[in-house]
Protein backbone atom coordinates (compact mmCIF):
# COMPACT_ATOMS: atom_id res chain seq x y z
CA MET A 1 37.36 41.72 72.35
CA ARG A 2 38.35 43.78 69.42
CA ARG A 3 40.03 40.45 68.36
CA THR A 4 36.83 38.58 68.43
CA ILE A 5 34.85 41.06 66.72
CA VAL A 6 37.68 41.02 63.61
CA PHE A 7 37.67 37.40 63.56
CA ALA A 8 34.00 37.02 63.49
CA ALA A 9 33.98 39.36 60.56
CA LEU A 10 36.30 37.41 58.95
CA ALA A 11 35.04 33.87 59.77
CA THR A 12 31.61 35.46 58.19
CA ALA A 13 33.21 36.66 55.02
CA ILE A 14 35.15 33.29 54.64
CA ALA A 15 32.48 31.02 54.84
CA GLY A 16 30.17 33.28 52.60
CA ILE A 17 27.47 33.98 54.73
CA THR A 18 25.99 37.59 54.50
CA PRO A 19 24.33 38.93 57.44
CA ALA A 20 20.71 39.58 57.92
CA VAL A 21 19.86 43.55 57.42
CA ALA A 22 18.22 44.93 60.10
CA ALA A 23 14.87 46.42 58.59
CA THR A 24 13.47 49.63 58.74
CA PRO A 25 9.89 49.16 60.68
CA SER A 26 7.21 50.80 58.41
CA PRO A 27 4.32 52.73 60.06
CA GLU A 28 0.80 50.84 60.64
CA ASN A 29 -1.42 50.93 57.40
CA ALA A 30 0.89 51.86 54.87
CA LEU A 31 -0.16 51.38 51.49
CA ALA A 32 1.54 51.35 47.82
CA TYR A 33 -0.47 51.38 45.16
CA ILE A 34 -0.12 52.13 41.41
CA ILE A 35 -2.26 54.95 40.26
CA TRP A 36 -1.80 54.84 36.35
CA PRO A 37 -2.09 52.64 34.61
CA LEU A 38 -5.13 50.35 35.90
CA ASP A 39 -5.36 46.40 36.30
CA GLY A 40 -5.91 45.40 32.49
CA THR A 41 -4.98 48.23 30.78
CA VAL A 42 -4.04 47.63 26.99
CA ILE A 43 -1.29 50.28 26.01
CA GLN A 44 -0.65 51.32 22.43
CA GLY A 45 3.05 51.65 21.98
CA GLY A 46 5.66 50.69 24.50
CA LYS A 47 6.00 53.90 26.01
CA PHE A 48 4.13 54.82 28.65
CA TRP A 49 3.83 56.80 32.17
CA VAL A 50 3.56 54.54 35.67
CA ARG A 51 2.03 57.01 38.16
CA MET A 52 3.13 55.83 41.98
CA GLY A 53 0.92 56.20 45.30
CA LEU A 54 1.32 55.68 48.81
CA ARG A 55 -0.69 56.34 52.34
CA ASN A 56 0.09 56.85 55.53
CA MET A 57 4.13 57.00 54.61
CA GLY A 58 6.03 59.39 52.84
CA VAL A 59 8.45 59.32 50.02
CA CYS A 60 11.80 60.34 49.97
CA PRO A 61 15.26 59.72 48.06
CA LYS A 62 17.31 56.86 49.06
CA GLY A 63 19.95 57.46 51.68
CA VAL A 64 17.49 59.58 53.57
CA ASN A 65 17.51 57.79 57.20
CA ILE A 66 14.09 59.51 58.87
CA PRO A 67 10.95 57.00 60.18
CA ASN A 68 8.25 56.76 58.24
CA VAL A 69 9.65 57.72 54.65
CA GLY A 70 11.10 55.45 51.84
CA HIS A 71 11.32 55.35 47.96
CA HIS A 72 9.45 52.89 45.21
CA HIS A 73 10.75 50.29 43.44
CA LEU A 74 8.77 48.92 40.67
CA LEU A 75 8.88 45.37 39.90
CA ILE A 76 8.33 44.28 36.45
CA ASP A 77 7.48 40.75 35.47
CA THR A 78 9.10 39.45 38.43
CA GLU A 79 7.84 38.27 42.11
CA LEU A 80 9.14 39.88 45.22
CA PRO A 81 12.47 39.77 45.87
CA PRO A 82 13.86 38.31 49.39
CA LEU A 83 12.17 40.80 51.86
CA ASN A 84 15.39 41.03 54.33
CA GLU A 85 17.89 41.59 51.57
CA PRO A 86 18.46 44.96 49.45
CA ILE A 87 16.33 45.25 46.41
CA PRO A 88 17.85 43.79 43.19
CA SER A 89 18.15 46.53 40.60
CA ASP A 90 18.05 45.28 37.01
CA ARG A 91 15.58 45.44 34.35
CA ASN A 92 13.23 43.85 36.21
CA HIS A 93 13.60 46.01 39.14
CA LEU A 94 13.64 49.40 38.93
CA HIS A 95 14.61 51.80 41.68
CA PHE A 96 13.10 55.35 41.94
CA GLY A 97 15.59 56.82 44.37
CA ALA A 98 15.57 60.57 43.92
CA GLY A 99 11.96 60.33 45.63
CA GLU A 100 10.25 59.93 42.04
CA THR A 101 6.09 59.37 42.18
CA GLU A 102 5.88 59.13 38.27
CA ALA A 103 8.14 57.69 35.65
CA ARG A 104 7.97 56.80 31.76
CA ILE A 105 9.24 53.60 31.01
CA GLU A 106 8.84 51.57 27.96
CA LEU A 107 7.93 47.66 27.36
CA PRO A 108 7.92 45.40 24.37
CA PRO A 109 4.60 44.11 23.08
CA GLY A 110 3.36 41.71 25.06
CA LYS A 111 1.48 41.14 28.66
CA HIS A 112 3.39 42.44 31.47
CA THR A 113 2.79 42.64 35.81
CA LEU A 114 3.63 45.48 37.53
CA GLN A 115 3.93 45.46 41.41
CA LEU A 116 5.51 48.53 43.93
CA LEU A 117 7.73 47.75 46.76
CA MET A 118 8.44 50.40 48.80
CA GLY A 119 12.48 50.68 50.20
CA ASP A 120 14.37 52.00 52.86
CA HIS A 121 17.35 54.51 53.08
CA ASP A 122 19.28 51.09 51.72
CA HIS A 123 16.76 49.85 49.69
CA VAL A 124 15.85 47.23 51.97
CA PRO A 125 12.11 46.50 52.29
CA HIS A 126 10.33 48.04 55.59
CA ASP A 127 9.22 45.58 58.26
CA PRO A 128 6.51 44.96 57.54
CA PRO A 129 7.10 45.40 54.00
CA VAL A 130 5.05 47.78 52.19
CA TYR A 131 4.20 46.57 48.26
CA SER A 132 1.03 47.49 46.32
CA GLN A 133 -0.99 44.51 44.35
CA LYS A 134 0.17 43.41 41.24
CA ILE A 135 -1.38 44.55 38.17
CA ALA A 136 -1.41 43.01 34.31
CA ILE A 137 -1.08 45.21 31.55
CA THR A 138 -0.95 44.41 27.75
CA VAL A 139 1.70 46.22 25.39
CA ARG A 140 0.55 46.39 22.08
């Protein structure tokens, strides 16, 4: 039996297949939302505060594996990532793994989109995923 498991893991690694990640369930009616800025806001200068809201669910740091909690990820100028994989960490996917509900960010002048996506203890979106509406802002 043990040989079979080891062989299957080795075959998966050689084939380059990534096994699906089991998603953490989200509570019924959970909702992420952006408190500030509002959709259509014009920001003077590139630095501003983003305030993140959440209903029917708790915020906690990454690594905390208890039911009905997660942490925020801010998606900037991008679409939702694959919802069955860990959320990327780059300039378009900001992680707030300390359980932050507000952050000061800086964006270059121009039009930008912002959207929140909750991640579980492993940065994987919940099932069903909990994300905000996408908003548009302009930085001058």
